[in-house]
Amino acid sequence: MTDLLPPEEKKSLKLEQTKNLVIVFAVSIIIALVCLILILLSIEFYILSQINSQKFVLDSVEAEYQSSDFLEYKQIIEKYNEILPGLFSFYKKEIPFTNVFDVVLDVPRPEGLVFDKIYIERSDTPGKIKAVVFGFSDNRENLLLFQKNVKQERKLKNVSFSTESWINPVNTNFSFTFEYGN
């Protein structure tokens, strides 16, 4: 094919073609930017709506936490959080009270002798427990036999029977104190 157009016309057509390509390219970029802006705006509105809903939830939870019941429970929990470490250290360092019961109940007792009460408290000496045992004996001989058995128990220290324990020869209420521990 032969090109019969003059060179100026060719130049003009080439320029027109380039101009059209630039316009199409610019419009494509502008449309892409508008789409990007719309996408970013929709993301912004979504995030703002999520922030508002989370803020509403946060405000309602904070209002609930400011209620008197919550503050009361919070104070109770804080109080127990202060007490519990002391209890844990006490039970790690101290002798379990149940050991005292086991030792006292393992001491041989005559048949007419029974225990009424046992009071246990921590001694001033670390690792020791003080205890007082109250009971009833049908006669003094059983009580003397029990006193001998208690004093033979090596785990019980400083055993002391009250003087009132020896007053009545029959139907005697007695008490004795001892220390248990290291």
N, C-alpha and C. Protein backbone atom coordinates (compact mmCIF):
# COMPACT_ATOMS: atom_id res chain seq x y z
N MET A 1 0.81 -1.17 0.00
CA MET A 1 0.00 0.00 0.00
C MET A 1 0.86 1.25 0.00
N THR A 2 0.38 2.16 -0.65
CA THR A 2 1.10 3.42 -0.72
C THR A 2 0.41 4.46 0.13
N ASP A 3 1.22 5.20 0.77
CA ASP A 3 0.72 6.24 1.66
C ASP A 3 0.69 7.54 0.89
N LEU A 4 -0.46 8.09 0.64
CA LEU A 4 -0.61 9.28 -0.17
C LEU A 4 -0.79 10.53 0.67
N LEU A 5 -0.79 10.40 1.99
CA LEU A 5 -0.97 11.56 2.86
C LEU A 5 0.32 12.36 2.94
N PRO A 6 0.15 13.64 2.97
CA PRO A 6 1.35 14.45 3.09
C PRO A 6 1.97 14.28 4.49
N PRO A 7 3.24 14.55 4.67
CA PRO A 7 3.93 14.37 5.94
C PRO A 7 3.32 15.21 7.07
N GLU A 8 2.81 16.38 6.79
CA GLU A 8 2.20 17.20 7.85
C GLU A 8 0.92 16.54 8.35
N GLU A 9 0.21 15.98 7.42
CA GLU A 9 -1.03 15.31 7.80
C GLU A 9 -0.70 14.05 8.62
N LYS A 10 0.35 13.38 8.23
CA LYS A 10 0.79 12.20 8.98
C LYS A 10 1.18 12.59 10.40
N LYS A 11 1.88 13.69 10.49
CA LYS A 11 2.31 14.19 11.79
C LYS A 11 1.09 14.55 12.64
N SER A 12 0.13 15.19 12.01
CA SER A 12 -1.07 15.60 12.70
C SER A 12 -1.85 14.38 13.19
N LEU A 13 -1.96 13.36 12.37
CA LEU A 13 -2.65 12.13 12.77
C LEU A 13 -1.90 11.40 13.90
N LYS A 14 -0.61 11.41 13.79
CA LYS A 14 0.21 10.76 14.82
C LYS A 14 0.03 11.49 16.15
N LEU A 15 0.02 12.82 16.10
CA LEU A 15 -0.18 13.64 17.28
C LEU A 15 -1.58 13.42 17.86
N GLU A 16 -2.56 13.33 17.00
CA GLU A 16 -3.95 13.09 17.43
C GLU A 16 -4.04 11.71 18.10
N GLN A 17 -3.38 10.72 17.51
CA GLN A 17 -3.40 9.37 18.07
C GLN A 17 -2.74 9.36 19.45
N THR A 18 -1.63 10.02 19.62
CA THR A 18 -0.93 10.10 20.89
C THR A 18 -1.78 10.83 21.92
N LYS A 19 -2.42 11.93 21.46
CA LYS A 19 -3.28 12.70 22.34
C LYS A 19 -4.45 11.84 22.84
N ASN A 20 -5.04 11.07 21.96
CA ASN A 20 -6.15 10.18 22.35
C ASN A 20 -5.67 9.11 23.35
N LEU A 21 -4.49 8.59 23.11
CA LEU A 21 -3.93 7.59 24.04
C LEU A 21 -3.67 8.19 25.42
N VAL A 22 -3.16 9.40 25.47
CA VAL A 22 -2.91 10.08 26.74
C VAL A 22 -4.23 10.33 27.47
N ILE A 23 -5.24 10.75 26.71
CA ILE A 23 -6.55 11.02 27.32
C ILE A 23 -7.14 9.72 27.89
N VAL A 24 -7.08 8.66 27.14
CA VAL A 24 -7.60 7.37 27.61
C VAL A 24 -6.81 6.91 28.85
N PHE A 25 -5.50 7.05 28.78
CA PHE A 25 -4.66 6.66 29.93
C PHE A 25 -4.97 7.52 31.15
N ALA A 26 -5.14 8.84 30.96
CA ALA A 26 -5.44 9.74 32.07
C ALA A 26 -6.80 9.44 32.67
N VAL A 27 -7.78 9.19 31.80
CA VAL A 27 -9.13 8.86 32.30
C VAL A 27 -9.08 7.54 33.07
N SER A 28 -8.31 6.56 32.57
CA SER A 28 -8.18 5.28 33.28
C SER A 28 -7.56 5.49 34.66
N ILE A 29 -6.55 6.32 34.73
CA ILE A 29 -5.90 6.60 36.03
C ILE A 29 -6.86 7.33 36.96
N ILE A 30 -7.58 8.30 36.43
CA ILE A 30 -8.54 9.05 37.25
C ILE A 30 -9.63 8.12 37.77
N ILE A 31 -10.15 7.24 36.92
CA ILE A 31 -11.18 6.28 37.36
C ILE A 31 -10.62 5.35 38.43
N ALA A 32 -9.40 4.89 38.24
CA ALA A 32 -8.76 4.01 39.24
C ALA A 32 -8.58 4.75 40.57
N LEU A 33 -8.15 6.03 40.49
CA LEU A 33 -7.98 6.82 41.73
C LEU A 33 -9.31 7.06 42.42
N VAL A 34 -10.36 7.35 41.64
CA VAL A 34 -11.69 7.55 42.23
C VAL A 34 -12.15 6.26 42.91
N CYS A 35 -11.94 5.12 42.26
CA CYS A 35 -12.31 3.83 42.87
C CYS A 35 -11.51 3.59 44.15
N LEU A 36 -10.23 3.89 44.12
CA LEU A 36 -9.39 3.72 45.31
C LEU A 36 -9.87 4.63 46.44
N ILE A 37 -10.20 5.86 46.11
CA ILE A 37 -10.70 6.79 47.11
C ILE A 37 -12.02 6.29 47.70
N LEU A 38 -12.91 5.78 46.83
CA LEU A 38 -14.18 5.25 47.33
C LEU A 38 -13.97 4.03 48.23
N ILE A 39 -13.03 3.16 47.86
CA ILE A 39 -12.72 1.99 48.69
C ILE A 39 -12.16 2.43 50.03
N LEU A 40 -11.24 3.38 50.01
CA LEU A 40 -10.66 3.87 51.26
C LEU A 40 -11.72 4.56 52.14
N LEU A 41 -12.62 5.30 51.51
CA LEU A 41 -13.70 5.94 52.28
C LEU A 41 -14.62 4.90 52.91
N SER A 42 -14.93 3.85 52.15
CA SER A 42 -15.79 2.80 52.74
C SER A 42 -15.08 2.11 53.90
N ILE A 43 -13.78 1.87 53.79
CA ILE A 43 -13.01 1.27 54.90
C ILE A 43 -13.01 2.21 56.10
N GLU A 44 -12.83 3.51 55.84
CA GLU A 44 -12.83 4.48 56.94
C GLU A 44 -14.18 4.49 57.66
N PHE A 45 -15.27 4.49 56.90
CA PHE A 45 -16.60 4.48 57.52
C PHE A 45 -16.84 3.19 58.29
N TYR A 46 -16.36 2.08 57.76
CA TYR A 46 -16.49 0.80 58.47
C TYR A 46 -15.72 0.84 59.79
N ILE A 47 -14.50 1.33 59.75
CA ILE A 47 -13.68 1.41 60.96
C ILE A 47 -14.31 2.36 61.96
N LEU A 48 -14.82 3.50 61.49
CA LEU A 48 -15.48 4.44 62.40
C LEU A 48 -16.71 3.82 63.05
N SER A 49 -17.47 3.07 62.27
CA SER A 49 -18.66 2.42 62.86
C SER A 49 -18.24 1.37 63.89
N GLN A 50 -17.17 0.62 63.61
CA GLN A 50 -16.67 -0.37 64.58
C GLN A 50 -16.16 0.32 65.84
N ILE A 51 -15.48 1.44 65.67
CA ILE A 51 -14.97 2.19 66.83
C ILE A 51 -16.14 2.66 67.68
N ASN A 52 -17.16 3.19 67.05
CA ASN A 52 -18.33 3.67 67.79
C ASN A 52 -19.03 2.54 68.54
N SER A 53 -19.17 1.39 67.88
CA SER A 53 -19.83 0.27 68.57
C SER A 53 -18.97 -0.25 69.71
N GLN A 54 -17.66 -0.31 69.51
CA GLN A 54 -16.77 -0.76 70.59
C GLN A 54 -16.75 0.25 71.74
N LYS A 55 -16.83 1.52 71.39
CA LYS A 55 -16.87 2.55 72.42
C LYS A 55 -18.16 2.44 73.23
N PHE A 56 -19.26 2.13 72.56
CA PHE A 56 -20.52 1.94 73.25
C PHE A 56 -20.43 0.75 74.21
N VAL A 57 -19.85 -0.34 73.74
CA VAL A 57 -19.67 -1.53 74.59
C VAL A 57 -18.76 -1.19 75.77
N LEU A 58 -17.67 -0.48 75.50
CA LEU A 58 -16.74 -0.11 76.56
C LEU A 58 -17.42 0.78 77.59
N ASP A 59 -18.21 1.75 77.13
CA ASP A 59 -18.91 2.63 78.06
C ASP A 59 -19.90 1.86 78.92
N SER A 60 -20.60 0.91 78.32
CA SER A 60 -21.56 0.13 79.11
C SER A 60 -20.85 -0.76 80.12
N VAL A 61 -19.72 -1.35 79.73
CA VAL A 61 -18.96 -2.19 80.66
C VAL A 61 -18.37 -1.33 81.78
N GLU A 62 -17.85 -0.17 81.44
CA GLU A 62 -17.31 0.72 82.48
C GLU A 62 -18.40 1.17 83.43
N ALA A 63 -19.58 1.43 82.91
CA ALA A 63 -20.70 1.82 83.77
C ALA A 63 -21.05 0.67 84.70
N GLU A 64 -20.98 -0.55 84.19
CA GLU A 64 -21.28 -1.71 85.02
C GLU A 64 -20.21 -1.88 86.09
N TYR A 65 -18.94 -1.64 85.72
CA TYR A 65 -17.86 -1.77 86.69
C TYR A 65 -17.90 -0.69 87.75
N GLN A 66 -18.53 0.40 87.45
CA GLN A 66 -18.62 1.48 88.43
C GLN A 66 -19.80 1.28 89.38
N SER A 67 -20.59 0.23 89.15
CA SER A 67 -21.74 -0.02 90.02
C SER A 67 -21.24 -0.40 91.41
N SER A 68 -22.10 -0.23 92.39
CA SER A 68 -21.71 -0.49 93.78
C SER A 68 -21.42 -1.97 94.01
N ASP A 69 -22.17 -2.85 93.33
CA ASP A 69 -21.93 -4.29 93.50
C ASP A 69 -20.53 -4.66 93.03
N PHE A 70 -20.15 -4.15 91.88
CA PHE A 70 -18.83 -4.47 91.36
C PHE A 70 -17.74 -3.94 92.28
N LEU A 71 -17.89 -2.71 92.75
CA LEU A 71 -16.88 -2.15 93.64
C LEU A 71 -16.80 -2.94 94.95
N GLU A 72 -17.94 -3.40 95.42
CA GLU A 72 -17.96 -4.20 96.64
C GLU A 72 -17.23 -5.52 96.43
N TYR A 73 -17.52 -6.18 95.30
CA TYR A 73 -16.84 -7.44 95.01
C TYR A 73 -15.36 -7.23 94.76
N LYS A 74 -15.03 -6.13 94.14
CA LYS A 74 -13.62 -5.82 93.90
C LYS A 74 -12.88 -5.67 95.23
N GLN A 75 -13.49 -4.99 96.19
CA GLN A 75 -12.86 -4.82 97.50
C GLN A 75 -12.72 -6.16 98.21
N ILE A 76 -13.73 -7.00 98.10
CA ILE A 76 -13.67 -8.33 98.73
C ILE A 76 -12.54 -9.15 98.11
N ILE A 77 -12.43 -9.11 96.80
CA ILE A 77 -11.38 -9.88 96.11
C ILE A 77 -10.01 -9.36 96.50
N GLU A 78 -9.85 -8.05 96.57
CA GLU A 78 -8.57 -7.47 96.97
C GLU A 78 -8.22 -7.88 98.40
N LYS A 79 -9.22 -7.90 99.27
CA LYS A 79 -8.99 -8.30 100.67
C LYS A 79 -8.49 -9.75 100.73
N TYR A 80 -9.16 -10.64 99.99
CA TYR A 80 -8.75 -12.04 99.99
C TYR A 80 -7.41 -12.23 99.30
N ASN A 81 -7.12 -11.41 98.30
CA ASN A 81 -5.81 -11.50 97.65
C ASN A 81 -4.69 -11.12 98.60
N GLU A 82 -4.98 -10.27 99.58
CA GLU A 82 -3.98 -9.93 100.59
C GLU A 82 -3.84 -11.04 101.63
N ILE A 83 -4.93 -11.73 101.93
CA ILE A 83 -4.93 -12.76 102.97
C ILE A 83 -4.34 -14.08 102.47
N LEU A 84 -4.67 -14.45 101.23
CA LEU A 84 -4.29 -15.77 100.73
C LEU A 84 -2.78 -16.06 100.74
N PRO A 85 -1.91 -15.13 100.34
CA PRO A 85 -0.48 -15.46 100.42
C PRO A 85 -0.03 -15.79 101.85
N GLY A 86 -0.60 -15.10 102.83
CA GLY A 86 -0.26 -15.41 104.22
C GLY A 86 -0.72 -16.80 104.60
N LEU A 87 -1.90 -17.19 104.15
CA LEU A 87 -2.40 -18.53 104.45
C LEU A 87 -1.53 -19.60 103.79
N PHE A 88 -1.16 -19.36 102.54
CA PHE A 88 -0.31 -20.34 101.86
C PHE A 88 1.02 -20.50 102.56
N SER A 89 1.62 -19.40 102.97
CA SER A 89 2.90 -19.50 103.67
C SER A 89 2.72 -20.17 105.02
N PHE A 90 1.60 -19.90 105.69
CA PHE A 90 1.34 -20.55 106.98
C PHE A 90 1.26 -22.06 106.81
N TYR A 91 0.50 -22.51 105.82
CA TYR A 91 0.34 -23.95 105.64
C TYR A 91 1.61 -24.61 105.14
N LYS A 92 2.49 -23.87 104.48
CA LYS A 92 3.76 -24.45 104.05
C LYS A 92 4.71 -24.60 105.23
N LYS A 93 4.67 -23.63 106.16
CA LYS A 93 5.61 -23.62 107.27
C LYS A 93 5.10 -24.42 108.47
N GLU A 94 3.82 -24.42 108.68
CA GLU A 94 3.26 -24.97 109.90
C GLU A 94 2.89 -26.44 109.77
N ILE A 95 2.67 -27.03 110.93
CA ILE A 95 2.26 -28.42 111.01
C ILE A 95 0.75 -28.48 110.79
N PRO A 96 0.28 -29.39 109.98
CA PRO A 96 -1.18 -29.49 109.79
C PRO A 96 -1.87 -29.88 111.10
N PHE A 97 -2.99 -29.25 111.36
CA PHE A 97 -3.74 -29.52 112.59
C PHE A 97 -4.23 -30.96 112.65
N THR A 98 -4.47 -31.55 111.51
CA THR A 98 -4.98 -32.92 111.51
C THR A 98 -3.97 -33.89 112.12
N ASN A 99 -2.67 -33.57 112.02
CA ASN A 99 -1.66 -34.42 112.64
C ASN A 99 -1.84 -34.46 114.15
N VAL A 100 -2.23 -33.33 114.73
CA VAL A 100 -2.45 -33.27 116.18
C VAL A 100 -3.59 -34.21 116.55
N PHE A 101 -4.68 -34.17 115.80
CA PHE A 101 -5.81 -35.06 116.08
C PHE A 101 -5.39 -36.52 116.00
N ASP A 102 -4.61 -36.83 114.97
CA ASP A 102 -4.17 -38.22 114.79
C ASP A 102 -3.35 -38.69 115.99
N VAL A 103 -2.42 -37.86 116.45
CA VAL A 103 -1.56 -38.25 117.57
C VAL A 103 -2.38 -38.41 118.84
N VAL A 104 -3.26 -37.47 119.13
CA VAL A 104 -4.07 -37.55 120.36
C VAL A 104 -5.00 -38.75 120.32
N LEU A 105 -5.61 -39.00 119.18
CA LEU A 105 -6.54 -40.13 119.09
C LEU A 105 -5.82 -41.48 119.07
N ASP A 106 -4.53 -41.48 118.73
CA ASP A 106 -3.77 -42.74 118.73
C ASP A 106 -3.27 -43.13 120.12
N VAL A 107 -3.31 -42.21 121.07
CA VAL A 107 -2.88 -42.54 122.43
C VAL A 107 -3.90 -43.52 123.00
N PRO A 108 -3.44 -44.66 123.56
CA PRO A 108 -4.38 -45.65 124.11
C PRO A 108 -5.20 -45.04 125.26
N ARG A 109 -6.52 -45.26 125.19
CA ARG A 109 -7.43 -44.74 126.21
C ARG A 109 -8.15 -45.89 126.88
N PRO A 110 -8.32 -45.77 128.18
CA PRO A 110 -9.16 -46.76 128.85
C PRO A 110 -10.61 -46.62 128.36
N GLU A 111 -11.40 -47.66 128.61
CA GLU A 111 -12.74 -47.70 128.04
C GLU A 111 -13.68 -46.63 128.59
N GLY A 112 -13.54 -46.19 129.80
CA GLY A 112 -14.46 -45.23 130.39
C GLY A 112 -14.03 -43.78 130.19
N LEU A 113 -13.10 -43.53 129.28
CA LEU A 113 -12.58 -42.17 129.08
C LEU A 113 -12.95 -41.70 127.67
N VAL A 114 -13.57 -40.51 127.60
CA VAL A 114 -13.97 -39.96 126.30
C VAL A 114 -13.55 -38.49 126.23
N PHE A 115 -13.35 -38.01 125.00
CA PHE A 115 -13.01 -36.60 124.78
C PHE A 115 -14.28 -35.82 124.47
N ASP A 116 -14.35 -34.60 125.00
CA ASP A 116 -15.47 -33.70 124.68
C ASP A 116 -15.07 -32.67 123.64
N LYS A 117 -13.94 -31.99 123.90
CA LYS A 117 -13.52 -30.89 123.02
C LYS A 117 -12.00 -30.92 122.89
N ILE A 118 -11.55 -30.42 121.76
CA ILE A 118 -10.11 -30.21 121.55
C ILE A 118 -9.96 -28.82 120.94
N TYR A 119 -9.19 -27.97 121.62
CA TYR A 119 -8.89 -26.64 121.10
C TYR A 119 -7.43 -26.62 120.66
N ILE A 120 -7.21 -26.12 119.45
CA ILE A 120 -5.86 -26.09 118.89
C ILE A 120 -5.56 -24.66 118.47
N GLU A 121 -4.35 -24.20 118.78
CA GLU A 121 -3.92 -22.88 118.34
C GLU A 121 -2.43 -22.92 118.03
N ARG A 122 -1.99 -21.98 117.24
CA ARG A 122 -0.59 -21.89 116.88
C ARG A 122 0.19 -21.39 118.09
N SER A 123 1.32 -21.99 118.34
CA SER A 123 2.17 -21.59 119.45
C SER A 123 3.01 -20.38 119.06
N ASP A 124 3.53 -19.69 120.05
CA ASP A 124 4.44 -18.57 119.78
C ASP A 124 5.74 -19.07 119.17
N THR A 125 6.10 -20.29 119.47
CA THR A 125 7.29 -20.91 118.91
C THR A 125 6.98 -21.40 117.50
N PRO A 126 7.78 -21.00 116.51
CA PRO A 126 7.51 -21.46 115.14
C PRO A 126 7.59 -22.98 115.03
N GLY A 127 6.66 -23.55 114.29
CA GLY A 127 6.65 -24.99 114.06
C GLY A 127 5.99 -25.78 115.16
N LYS A 128 5.37 -25.11 116.13
CA LYS A 128 4.71 -25.82 117.23
C LYS A 128 3.25 -25.40 117.31
N ILE A 129 2.46 -26.31 117.84
CA ILE A 129 1.03 -26.08 118.04
C ILE A 129 0.70 -26.38 119.50
N LYS A 130 -0.10 -25.50 120.10
CA LYS A 130 -0.60 -25.73 121.45
C LYS A 130 -2.00 -26.31 121.35
N ALA A 131 -2.33 -27.20 122.26
CA ALA A 131 -3.67 -27.78 122.25
C ALA A 131 -4.14 -28.01 123.67
N VAL A 132 -5.46 -27.93 123.85
CA VAL A 132 -6.11 -28.23 125.12
C VAL A 132 -7.19 -29.26 124.81
N VAL A 133 -7.20 -30.35 125.58
CA VAL A 133 -8.18 -31.41 125.39
C VAL A 133 -9.04 -31.48 126.64
N PHE A 134 -10.36 -31.49 126.43
CA PHE A 134 -11.31 -31.64 127.52
C PHE A 134 -12.00 -32.98 127.35
N GLY A 135 -12.28 -33.63 128.49
CA GLY A 135 -12.93 -34.92 128.40
C GLY A 135 -13.59 -35.33 129.70
N PHE A 136 -14.03 -36.61 129.71
CA PHE A 136 -14.74 -37.17 130.87
C PHE A 136 -14.18 -38.56 131.12
N SER A 137 -13.95 -38.85 132.41
CA SER A 137 -13.47 -40.17 132.79
C SER A 137 -14.42 -40.70 133.87
N ASP A 138 -14.76 -42.00 133.77
CA ASP A 138 -15.68 -42.55 134.76
C ASP A 138 -15.02 -42.77 136.12
N ASN A 139 -13.66 -42.86 136.15
CA ASN A 139 -12.98 -42.93 137.45
C ASN A 139 -11.54 -42.43 137.34
N ARG A 140 -10.94 -42.20 138.48
CA ARG A 140 -9.60 -41.60 138.54
C ARG A 140 -8.54 -42.57 138.03
N GLU A 141 -8.72 -43.89 138.24
CA GLU A 141 -7.73 -44.87 137.79
C GLU A 141 -7.58 -44.84 136.26
N ASN A 142 -8.69 -44.73 135.57
CA ASN A 142 -8.63 -44.63 134.10
C ASN A 142 -7.89 -43.36 133.68
N LEU A 143 -8.13 -42.28 134.40
CA LEU A 143 -7.47 -41.01 134.09
C LEU A 143 -5.96 -41.11 134.35
N LEU A 144 -5.57 -41.77 135.44
CA LEU A 144 -4.13 -41.96 135.73
C LEU A 144 -3.46 -42.81 134.65
N LEU A 145 -4.16 -43.86 134.20
CA LEU A 145 -3.62 -44.70 133.14
C LEU A 145 -3.48 -43.90 131.84
N PHE A 146 -4.48 -43.08 131.54
CA PHE A 146 -4.41 -42.25 130.34
C PHE A 146 -3.28 -41.22 130.46
N GLN A 147 -3.10 -40.64 131.64
CA GLN A 147 -2.02 -39.66 131.84
C GLN A 147 -0.67 -40.33 131.57
N LYS A 148 -0.51 -41.54 132.05
CA LYS A 148 0.74 -42.28 131.82
C LYS A 148 0.96 -42.50 130.31
N ASN A 149 -0.10 -42.88 129.60
CA ASN A 149 0.00 -43.13 128.15
C ASN A 149 0.32 -41.84 127.38
N VAL A 150 -0.28 -40.74 127.81
CA VAL A 150 -0.03 -39.46 127.14
C VAL A 150 1.40 -39.04 127.34
N LYS A 151 1.92 -39.18 128.55
CA LYS A 151 3.30 -38.75 128.83
C LYS A 151 4.31 -39.64 128.12
N GLN A 152 3.92 -40.86 127.76
CA GLN A 152 4.82 -41.74 127.02
C GLN A 152 4.86 -41.40 125.52
N GLU A 153 3.87 -40.68 125.05
CA GLU A 153 3.84 -40.28 123.63
C GLU A 153 4.92 -39.23 123.40
N ARG A 154 5.93 -39.56 122.58
CA ARG A 154 7.08 -38.67 122.38
C ARG A 154 6.74 -37.42 121.57
N LYS A 155 5.72 -37.46 120.77
CA LYS A 155 5.37 -36.30 119.93
C LYS A 155 4.68 -35.19 120.73
N LEU A 156 4.14 -35.53 121.89
CA LEU A 156 3.46 -34.55 122.72
C LEU A 156 4.44 -34.02 123.78
N LYS A 157 4.65 -32.72 123.78
CA LYS A 157 5.61 -32.09 124.70
C LYS A 157 4.85 -31.25 125.73
N ASN A 158 5.47 -31.05 126.88
CA ASN A 158 4.94 -30.19 127.95
C ASN A 158 3.49 -30.56 128.30
N VAL A 159 3.25 -31.84 128.50
CA VAL A 159 1.90 -32.30 128.85
C VAL A 159 1.61 -31.89 130.29
N SER A 160 0.44 -31.28 130.49
CA SER A 160 0.07 -30.82 131.83
C SER A 160 -1.43 -31.01 132.03
N PHE A 161 -1.78 -31.83 133.03
CA PHE A 161 -3.18 -32.02 133.37
C PHE A 161 -3.58 -30.96 134.38
N SER A 162 -4.81 -30.48 134.28
CA SER A 162 -5.28 -29.46 135.22
C SER A 162 -5.49 -30.09 136.59
N THR A 163 -5.38 -29.26 137.62
CA THR A 163 -5.55 -29.76 139.00
C THR A 163 -7.00 -30.16 139.25
N GLU A 164 -7.95 -29.54 138.56
CA GLU A 164 -9.36 -29.90 138.74
C GLU A 164 -9.64 -31.32 138.24
N SER A 165 -8.74 -31.86 137.41
CA SER A 165 -8.94 -33.20 136.87
C SER A 165 -8.86 -34.27 137.95
N TRP A 166 -8.22 -33.96 139.07
CA TRP A 166 -7.95 -34.99 140.08
C TRP A 166 -8.85 -34.87 141.31
N ILE A 167 -9.78 -33.94 141.32
CA ILE A 167 -10.59 -33.69 142.51
C ILE A 167 -11.57 -34.83 142.77
N ASN A 168 -12.34 -35.22 141.77
CA ASN A 168 -13.37 -36.25 141.97
C ASN A 168 -12.81 -37.64 141.69
N PRO A 169 -13.11 -38.62 142.53
CA PRO A 169 -12.64 -39.99 142.29
C PRO A 169 -13.43 -40.70 141.18
N VAL A 170 -14.69 -40.28 140.96
CA VAL A 170 -15.51 -40.88 139.90
C VAL A 170 -16.18 -39.76 139.11
N ASN A 171 -16.57 -40.08 137.89
CA ASN A 171 -17.22 -39.12 136.99
C ASN A 171 -16.47 -37.78 136.96
N THR A 172 -15.24 -37.86 136.51
CA THR A 172 -14.34 -36.72 136.53
C THR A 172 -14.29 -36.04 135.16
N ASN A 173 -14.45 -34.72 135.16
CA ASN A 173 -14.17 -33.93 133.97
C ASN A 173 -12.71 -33.54 134.03
N PHE A 174 -12.00 -33.76 132.96
CA PHE A 174 -10.56 -33.47 132.97
C PHE A 174 -10.20 -32.58 131.78
N SER A 175 -9.01 -32.00 131.89
CA SER A 175 -8.43 -31.26 130.77
C SER A 175 -6.92 -31.36 130.87
N PHE A 176 -6.28 -31.36 129.74
CA PHE A 176 -4.82 -31.32 129.73
C PHE A 176 -4.35 -30.52 128.53
N THR A 177 -3.19 -29.92 128.68
CA THR A 177 -2.58 -29.10 127.61
C THR A 177 -1.29 -29.76 127.17
N PHE A 178 -0.92 -29.48 125.94
CA PHE A 178 0.35 -30.00 125.42
C PHE A 178 0.76 -29.17 124.22
N GLU A 179 2.01 -29.36 123.82
CA GLU A 179 2.54 -28.76 122.59
C GLU A 179 2.90 -29.91 121.65
N TYR A 180 2.71 -29.63 120.38
CA TYR A 180 3.01 -30.61 119.36
C TYR A 180 3.87 -29.94 118.31
N GLY A 181 4.89 -30.62 117.87
CA GLY A 181 5.71 -30.05 116.80
C GLY A 181 7.17 -30.36 116.98
N ASN A 182 7.95 -29.61 116.20
CA ASN A 182 9.41 -29.83 116.16
C ASN A 182 10.05 -29.59 117.50
